[in-house]
Amino acid sequence: MAGKRISIDEKIERAKEDVTRAKKKYDAAVEALEKLMTKKKEMQQKELLQAFADSGKSYDEIMQFLKA
């Protein structure tokens, strides 16, 4: 009493479905990662601007430092 035989076409369809599910999961993970990276960059920009404001240094002094 062998189990039900699965044709190659059925296996292909199942594999396609697996790939589609995996791609959706991957795409969602990439989107979440991109949002987190954008948020981190925004936080760093705010932190940098605050440090500049708190430094008491002029724009020219900061630019000279950064270019050195």
PDB file of N, CA and C in Angstrom:
ATOM      1  N   MET A   1       0.824  -1.178   0.000  1.00  0.00           N
ATOM      2  CA  MET A   1       0.000   0.000   0.000  1.00  0.00           C
ATOM      3  C   MET A   1       0.874   1.250   0.000  1.00  0.00           C
ATOM      4  N   ALA A   2       1.272   1.631  -1.132  1.00  0.00           N
ATOM      5  CA  ALA A   2       2.098   2.830  -1.268  1.00  0.00           C
ATOM      6  C   ALA A   2       1.217   4.061  -1.135  1.00  0.00           C
ATOM      7  N   GLY A   3       1.849   5.154  -0.696  1.00  0.00           N
ATOM      8  CA  GLY A   3       1.126   6.417  -0.563  1.00  0.00           C
ATOM      9  C   GLY A   3       0.762   6.973  -1.925  1.00  0.00           C
ATOM     10  N   LYS A   4      -0.011   8.027  -1.920  1.00  0.00           N
ATOM     11  CA  LYS A   4      -0.440   8.666  -3.164  1.00  0.00           C
ATOM     12  C   LYS A   4       0.779   9.203  -3.895  1.00  0.00           C
ATOM     13  N   ARG A   5       0.871   8.883  -5.150  1.00  0.00           N
ATOM     14  CA  ARG A   5       1.980   9.372  -5.952  1.00  0.00           C
ATOM     15  C   ARG A   5       1.681  10.803  -6.383  1.00  0.00           C
ATOM     16  N   ILE A   6       2.691  11.634  -6.305  1.00  0.00           N
ATOM     17  CA  ILE A   6       2.549  13.033  -6.690  1.00  0.00           C
ATOM     18  C   ILE A   6       3.277  13.221  -8.017  1.00  0.00           C
ATOM     19  N   SER A   7       2.561  13.762  -8.983  1.00  0.00           N
ATOM     20  CA  SER A   7       3.167  13.964 -10.300  1.00  0.00           C
ATOM     21  C   SER A   7       4.185  15.100 -10.235  1.00  0.00           C
ATOM     22  N   ILE A   8       5.053  15.114 -11.206  1.00  0.00           N
ATOM     23  CA  ILE A   8       6.073  16.157 -11.284  1.00  0.00           C
ATOM     24  C   ILE A   8       5.434  17.531 -11.429  1.00  0.00           C
ATOM     25  N   ASP A   9       4.313  17.607 -12.151  1.00  0.00           N
ATOM     26  CA  ASP A   9       3.622  18.889 -12.315  1.00  0.00           C
ATOM     27  C   ASP A   9       3.091  19.400 -10.982  1.00  0.00           C
ATOM     28  N   GLU A  10       2.582  18.501 -10.148  1.00  0.00           N
ATOM     29  CA  GLU A  10       2.104  18.902  -8.826  1.00  0.00           C
ATOM     30  C   GLU A  10       3.274  19.369  -7.961  1.00  0.00           C
ATOM     31  N   LYS A  11       4.395  18.694  -8.060  1.00  0.00           N
ATOM     32  CA  LYS A  11       5.581  19.099  -7.312  1.00  0.00           C
ATOM     33  C   LYS A  11       6.056  20.483  -7.754  1.00  0.00           C
ATOM     34  N   ILE A  12       6.000  20.724  -9.059  1.00  0.00           N
ATOM     35  CA  ILE A  12       6.399  22.035  -9.581  1.00  0.00           C
ATOM     36  C   ILE A  12       5.464  23.117  -9.041  1.00  0.00           C
ATOM     37  N   GLU A  13       4.183  22.862  -9.066  1.00  0.00           N
ATOM     38  CA  GLU A  13       3.214  23.842  -8.567  1.00  0.00           C
ATOM     39  C   GLU A  13       3.438  24.127  -7.083  1.00  0.00           C
ATOM     40  N   ARG A  14       3.684  23.097  -6.307  1.00  0.00           N
ATOM     41  CA  ARG A  14       3.944  23.273  -4.878  1.00  0.00           C
ATOM     42  C   ARG A  14       5.225  24.078  -4.654  1.00  0.00           C
ATOM     43  N   ALA A  15       6.231  23.805  -5.457  1.00  0.00           N
ATOM     44  CA  ALA A  15       7.496  24.547  -5.345  1.00  0.00           C
ATOM     45  C   ALA A  15       7.282  26.013  -5.707  1.00  0.00           C
ATOM     46  N   LYS A  16       6.485  26.277  -6.734  1.00  0.00           N
ATOM     47  CA  LYS A  16       6.177  27.659  -7.109  1.00  0.00           C
ATOM     48  C   LYS A  16       5.461  28.380  -5.965  1.00  0.00           C
ATOM     49  N   GLU A  17       4.518  27.703  -5.346  1.00  0.00           N
ATOM     50  CA  GLU A  17       3.790  28.291  -4.219  1.00  0.00           C
ATOM     51  C   GLU A  17       4.740  28.579  -3.053  1.00  0.00           C
ATOM     52  N   ASP A  18       5.653  27.651  -2.799  1.00  0.00           N
ATOM     53  CA  ASP A  18       6.651  27.859  -1.735  1.00  0.00           C
ATOM     54  C   ASP A  18       7.501  29.091  -2.019  1.00  0.00           C
ATOM     55  N   VAL A  19       7.917  29.227  -3.276  1.00  0.00           N
ATOM     56  CA  VAL A  19       8.743  30.372  -3.661  1.00  0.00           C
ATOM     57  C   VAL A  19       7.952  31.673  -3.521  1.00  0.00           C
ATOM     58  N   THR A  20       6.705  31.666  -3.928  1.00  0.00           N
ATOM     59  CA  THR A  20       5.865  32.861  -3.811  1.00  0.00           C
ATOM     60  C   THR A  20       5.708  33.276  -2.357  1.00  0.00           C
ATOM     61  N   ARG A  21       5.449  32.301  -1.482  1.00  0.00           N
ATOM     62  CA  ARG A  21       5.323  32.608  -0.051  1.00  0.00           C
ATOM     63  C   ARG A  21       6.635  33.146   0.511  1.00  0.00           C
ATOM     64  N   ALA A  22       7.734  32.529   0.119  1.00  0.00           N
ATOM     65  CA  ALA A  22       9.044  32.958   0.607  1.00  0.00           C
ATOM     66  C   ALA A  22       9.367  34.373   0.118  1.00  0.00           C
ATOM     67  N   LYS A  23       9.010  34.674  -1.124  1.00  0.00           N
ATOM     68  CA  LYS A  23       9.276  36.012  -1.672  1.00  0.00           C
ATOM     69  C   LYS A  23       8.463  37.065  -0.949  1.00  0.00           C
ATOM     70  N   LYS A  24       7.207  36.774  -0.647  1.00  0.00           N
ATOM     71  CA  LYS A  24       6.377  37.727   0.095  1.00  0.00           C
ATOM     72  C   LYS A  24       6.974  37.994   1.473  1.00  0.00           C
ATOM     73  N   LYS A  25       7.424  36.936   2.119  1.00  0.00           N
ATOM     74  CA  LYS A  25       8.032  37.086   3.438  1.00  0.00           C
ATOM     75  C   LYS A  25       9.331  37.889   3.333  1.00  0.00           C
ATOM     76  N   TYR A  26      10.136  37.597   2.322  1.00  0.00           N
ATOM     77  CA  TYR A  26      11.388  38.322   2.086  1.00  0.00           C
ATOM     78  C   TYR A  26      11.115  39.799   1.827  1.00  0.00           C
ATOM     79  N   ASP A  27      10.150  40.089   0.952  1.00  0.00           N
ATOM     80  CA  ASP A  27       9.821  41.470   0.614  1.00  0.00           C
ATOM     81  C   ASP A  27       9.367  42.242   1.851  1.00  0.00           C
ATOM     82  N   ALA A  28       8.572  41.602   2.695  1.00  0.00           N
ATOM     83  CA  ALA A  28       8.116  42.255   3.928  1.00  0.00           C
ATOM     84  C   ALA A  28       9.291  42.522   4.856  1.00  0.00           C
ATOM     85  N   ALA A  29      10.217  41.583   4.944  1.00  0.00           N
ATOM     86  CA  ALA A  29      11.388  41.761   5.799  1.00  0.00           C
ATOM     87  C   ALA A  29      12.284  42.880   5.271  1.00  0.00           C
ATOM     88  N   VAL A  30      12.450  42.963   3.958  1.00  0.00           N
ATOM     89  CA  VAL A  30      13.254  44.028   3.359  1.00  0.00           C
ATOM     90  C   VAL A  30      12.605  45.389   3.627  1.00  0.00           C
ATOM     91  N   GLU A  31      11.308  45.467   3.492  1.00  0.00           N
ATOM     92  CA  GLU A  31      10.594  46.721   3.750  1.00  0.00           C
ATOM     93  C   GLU A  31      10.766  47.150   5.210  1.00  0.00           C
ATOM     94  N   ALA A  32      10.642  46.210   6.130  1.00  0.00           N
ATOM     95  CA  ALA A  32      10.824  46.523   7.547  1.00  0.00           C
ATOM     96  C   ALA A  32      12.248  46.997   7.815  1.00  0.00           C
ATOM     97  N   LEU A  33      13.224  46.340   7.209  1.00  0.00           N
ATOM     98  CA  LEU A  33      14.617  46.734   7.367  1.00  0.00           C
ATOM     99  C   LEU A  33      14.853  48.140   6.831  1.00  0.00           C
ATOM    100  N   GLU A  34      14.322  48.441   5.662  1.00  0.00           N
ATOM    101  CA  GLU A  34      14.499  49.762   5.073  1.00  0.00           C
ATOM    102  C   GLU A  34      13.887  50.849   5.948  1.00  0.00           C
ATOM    103  N   LYS A  35      12.718  50.579   6.522  1.00  0.00           N
ATOM    104  CA  LYS A  35      12.082  51.551   7.420  1.00  0.00           C
ATOM    105  C   LYS A  35      12.943  51.792   8.656  1.00  0.00           C
ATOM    106  N   LEU A  36      13.484  50.721   9.214  1.00  0.00           N
ATOM    107  CA  LEU A  36      14.339  50.860  10.398  1.00  0.00           C
ATOM    108  C   LEU A  36      15.615  51.630  10.077  1.00  0.00           C
ATOM    109  N   MET A  37      16.206  51.355   8.927  1.00  0.00           N
ATOM    110  CA  MET A  37      17.429  52.053   8.539  1.00  0.00           C
ATOM    111  C   MET A  37      17.154  53.541   8.297  1.00  0.00           C
ATOM    112  N   THR A  38      16.010  53.853   7.701  1.00  0.00           N
ATOM    113  CA  THR A  38      15.622  55.247   7.480  1.00  0.00           C
ATOM    114  C   THR A  38      15.415  55.950   8.812  1.00  0.00           C
ATOM    115  N   LYS A  39      14.739  55.271   9.731  1.00  0.00           N
ATOM    116  CA  LYS A  39      14.499  55.858  11.052  1.00  0.00           C
ATOM    117  C   LYS A  39      15.825  56.111  11.770  1.00  0.00           C
ATOM    118  N   LYS A  40      16.752  55.179  11.691  1.00  0.00           N
ATOM    119  CA  LYS A  40      18.053  55.341  12.335  1.00  0.00           C
ATOM    120  C   LYS A  40      18.790  56.537  11.748  1.00  0.00           C
ATOM    121  N   LYS A  41      18.760  56.669  10.424  1.00  0.00           N
ATOM    122  CA  LYS A  41      19.431  57.784   9.768  1.00  0.00           C
ATOM    123  C   LYS A  41      18.824  59.111  10.210  1.00  0.00           C
ATOM    124  N   GLU A  42      17.507  59.178  10.310  1.00  0.00           N
ATOM    125  CA  GLU A  42      16.836  60.397  10.769  1.00  0.00           C
ATOM    126  C   GLU A  42      17.245  60.730  12.199  1.00  0.00           C
ATOM    127  N   MET A  43      17.329  59.723  13.053  1.00  0.00           N
ATOM    128  CA  MET A  43      17.740  59.935  14.441  1.00  0.00           C
ATOM    129  C   MET A  43      19.182  60.449  14.502  1.00  0.00           C
ATOM    130  N   GLN A  44      20.051  59.897  13.667  1.00  0.00           N
ATOM    131  CA  GLN A  44      21.444  60.335  13.635  1.00  0.00           C
ATOM    132  C   GLN A  44      21.549  61.774  13.141  1.00  0.00           C
ATOM    133  N   GLN A  45      20.739  62.131  12.157  1.00  0.00           N
ATOM    134  CA  GLN A  45      20.759  63.503  11.650  1.00  0.00           C
ATOM    135  C   GLN A  45      20.328  64.482  12.733  1.00  0.00           C
ATOM    136  N   LYS A  46      19.280  64.153  13.478  1.00  0.00           N
ATOM    137  CA  LYS A  46      18.821  65.009  14.568  1.00  0.00           C
ATOM    138  C   LYS A  46      19.892  65.133  15.640  1.00  0.00           C
ATOM    139  N   GLU A  47      20.532  64.004  15.955  1.00  0.00           N
ATOM    140  CA  GLU A  47      21.591  64.006  16.963  1.00  0.00           C
ATOM    141  C   GLU A  47      22.766  64.882  16.511  1.00  0.00           C
ATOM    142  N   LEU A  48      23.121  64.779  15.252  1.00  0.00           N
ATOM    143  CA  LEU A  48      24.222  65.573  14.706  1.00  0.00           C
ATOM    144  C   LEU A  48      23.883  67.069  14.746  1.00  0.00           C
ATOM    145  N   LEU A  49      22.665  67.423  14.340  1.00  0.00           N
ATOM    146  CA  LEU A  49      22.256  68.820  14.375  1.00  0.00           C
ATOM    147  C   LEU A  49      22.233  69.357  15.805  1.00  0.00           C
ATOM    148  N   GLN A  50      21.794  68.539  16.736  1.00  0.00           N
ATOM    149  CA  GLN A  50      21.771  68.961  18.134  1.00  0.00           C
ATOM    150  C   GLN A  50      23.187  69.150  18.667  1.00  0.00           C
ATOM    151  N   ALA A  51      24.088  68.247  18.312  1.00  0.00           N
ATOM    152  CA  ALA A  51      25.483  68.371  18.745  1.00  0.00           C
ATOM    153  C   ALA A  51      26.103  69.639  18.159  1.00  0.00           C
ATOM    154  N   PHE A  52      25.780  69.946  16.907  1.00  0.00           N
ATOM    155  CA  PHE A  52      26.272  71.176  16.279  1.00  0.00           C
ATOM    156  C   PHE A  52      25.742  72.395  17.035  1.00  0.00           C
ATOM    157  N   ALA A  53      24.458  72.399  17.332  1.00  0.00           N
ATOM    158  CA  ALA A  53      23.849  73.527  18.043  1.00  0.00           C
ATOM    159  C   ALA A  53      24.445  73.691  19.434  1.00  0.00           C
ATOM    160  N   ASP A  54      24.706  72.580  20.107  1.00  0.00           N
ATOM    161  CA  ASP A  54      25.243  72.621  21.470  1.00  0.00           C
ATOM    162  C   ASP A  54      26.744  72.924  21.514  1.00  0.00           C
ATOM    163  N   SER A  55      27.425  72.797  20.388  1.00  0.00           N
ATOM    164  CA  SER A  55      28.881  72.917  20.377  1.00  0.00           C
ATOM    165  C   SER A  55      29.378  74.347  20.550  1.00  0.00           C
ATOM    166  N   GLY A  56      28.586  75.293  20.135  1.00  0.00           N
ATOM    167  CA  GLY A  56      29.037  76.674  20.196  1.00  0.00           C
ATOM    168  C   GLY A  56      30.007  77.023  19.079  1.00  0.00           C
ATOM    169  N   LYS A  57      30.248  76.098  18.187  1.00  0.00           N
ATOM    170  CA  LYS A  57      31.154  76.326  17.069  1.00  0.00           C
ATOM    171  C   LYS A  57      30.375  76.934  15.907  1.00  0.00           C
ATOM    172  N   SER A  58      31.090  77.703  15.091  1.00  0.00           N
ATOM    173  CA  SER A  58      30.453  78.298  13.916  1.00  0.00           C
ATOM    174  C   SER A  58      30.367  77.254  12.804  1.00  0.00           C
ATOM    175  N   TYR A  59      29.571  77.586  11.811  1.00  0.00           N
ATOM    176  CA  TYR A  59      29.432  76.728  10.648  1.00  0.00           C
ATOM    177  C   TYR A  59      30.792  76.519   9.991  1.00  0.00           C
ATOM    178  N   ASP A  60      31.531  77.611   9.816  1.00  0.00           N
ATOM    179  CA  ASP A  60      32.845  77.521   9.172  1.00  0.00           C
ATOM    180  C   ASP A  60      33.794  76.631   9.971  1.00  0.00           C
ATOM    181  N   GLU A  61      33.763  76.721  11.304  1.00  0.00           N
ATOM    182  CA  GLU A  61      34.621  75.886  12.142  1.00  0.00           C
ATOM    183  C   GLU A  61      34.267  74.407  11.978  1.00  0.00           C
ATOM    184  N   ILE A  62      32.983  74.133  11.953  1.00  0.00           N
ATOM    185  CA  ILE A  62      32.530  72.739  11.802  1.00  0.00           C
ATOM    186  C   ILE A  62      32.939  72.213  10.414  1.00  0.00           C
ATOM    187  N   MET A  63      32.721  72.989   9.376  1.00  0.00           N
ATOM    188  CA  MET A  63      33.057  72.552   8.020  1.00  0.00           C
ATOM    189  C   MET A  63      34.567  72.335   7.886  1.00  0.00           C
ATOM    190  N   GLN A  64      35.354  73.225   8.471  1.00  0.00           N
ATOM    191  CA  GLN A  64      36.808  73.074   8.425  1.00  0.00           C
ATOM    192  C   GLN A  64      37.221  71.774   9.126  1.00  0.00           C
ATOM    193  N   PHE A  65      36.601  71.494  10.269  1.00  0.00           N
ATOM    194  CA  PHE A  65      36.897  70.264  11.001  1.00  0.00           C
ATOM    195  C   PHE A  65      36.537  69.030  10.178  1.00  0.00           C
ATOM    196  N   LEU A  66      35.374  69.060   9.564  1.00  0.00           N
ATOM    197  CA  LEU A  66      34.908  67.905   8.797  1.00  0.00           C
ATOM    198  C   LEU A  66      35.743  67.660   7.546  1.00  0.00           C
ATOM    199  N   LYS A  67      36.267  68.702   6.964  1.00  0.00           N
ATOM    200  CA  LYS A  67      37.056  68.561   5.744  1.00  0.00           C
ATOM    201  C   LYS A  67      38.517  68.216   6.037  1.00  0.00           C
ATOM    202  N   ALA A  68      38.914  68.332   7.283  1.00  0.00           N
ATOM    203  CA  ALA A  68      40.322  68.058   7.639  1.00  0.00           C
ATOM    204  C   ALA A  68      40.633  66.587   7.638  1.00  0.00           C
TER     205      ALA A  68
END
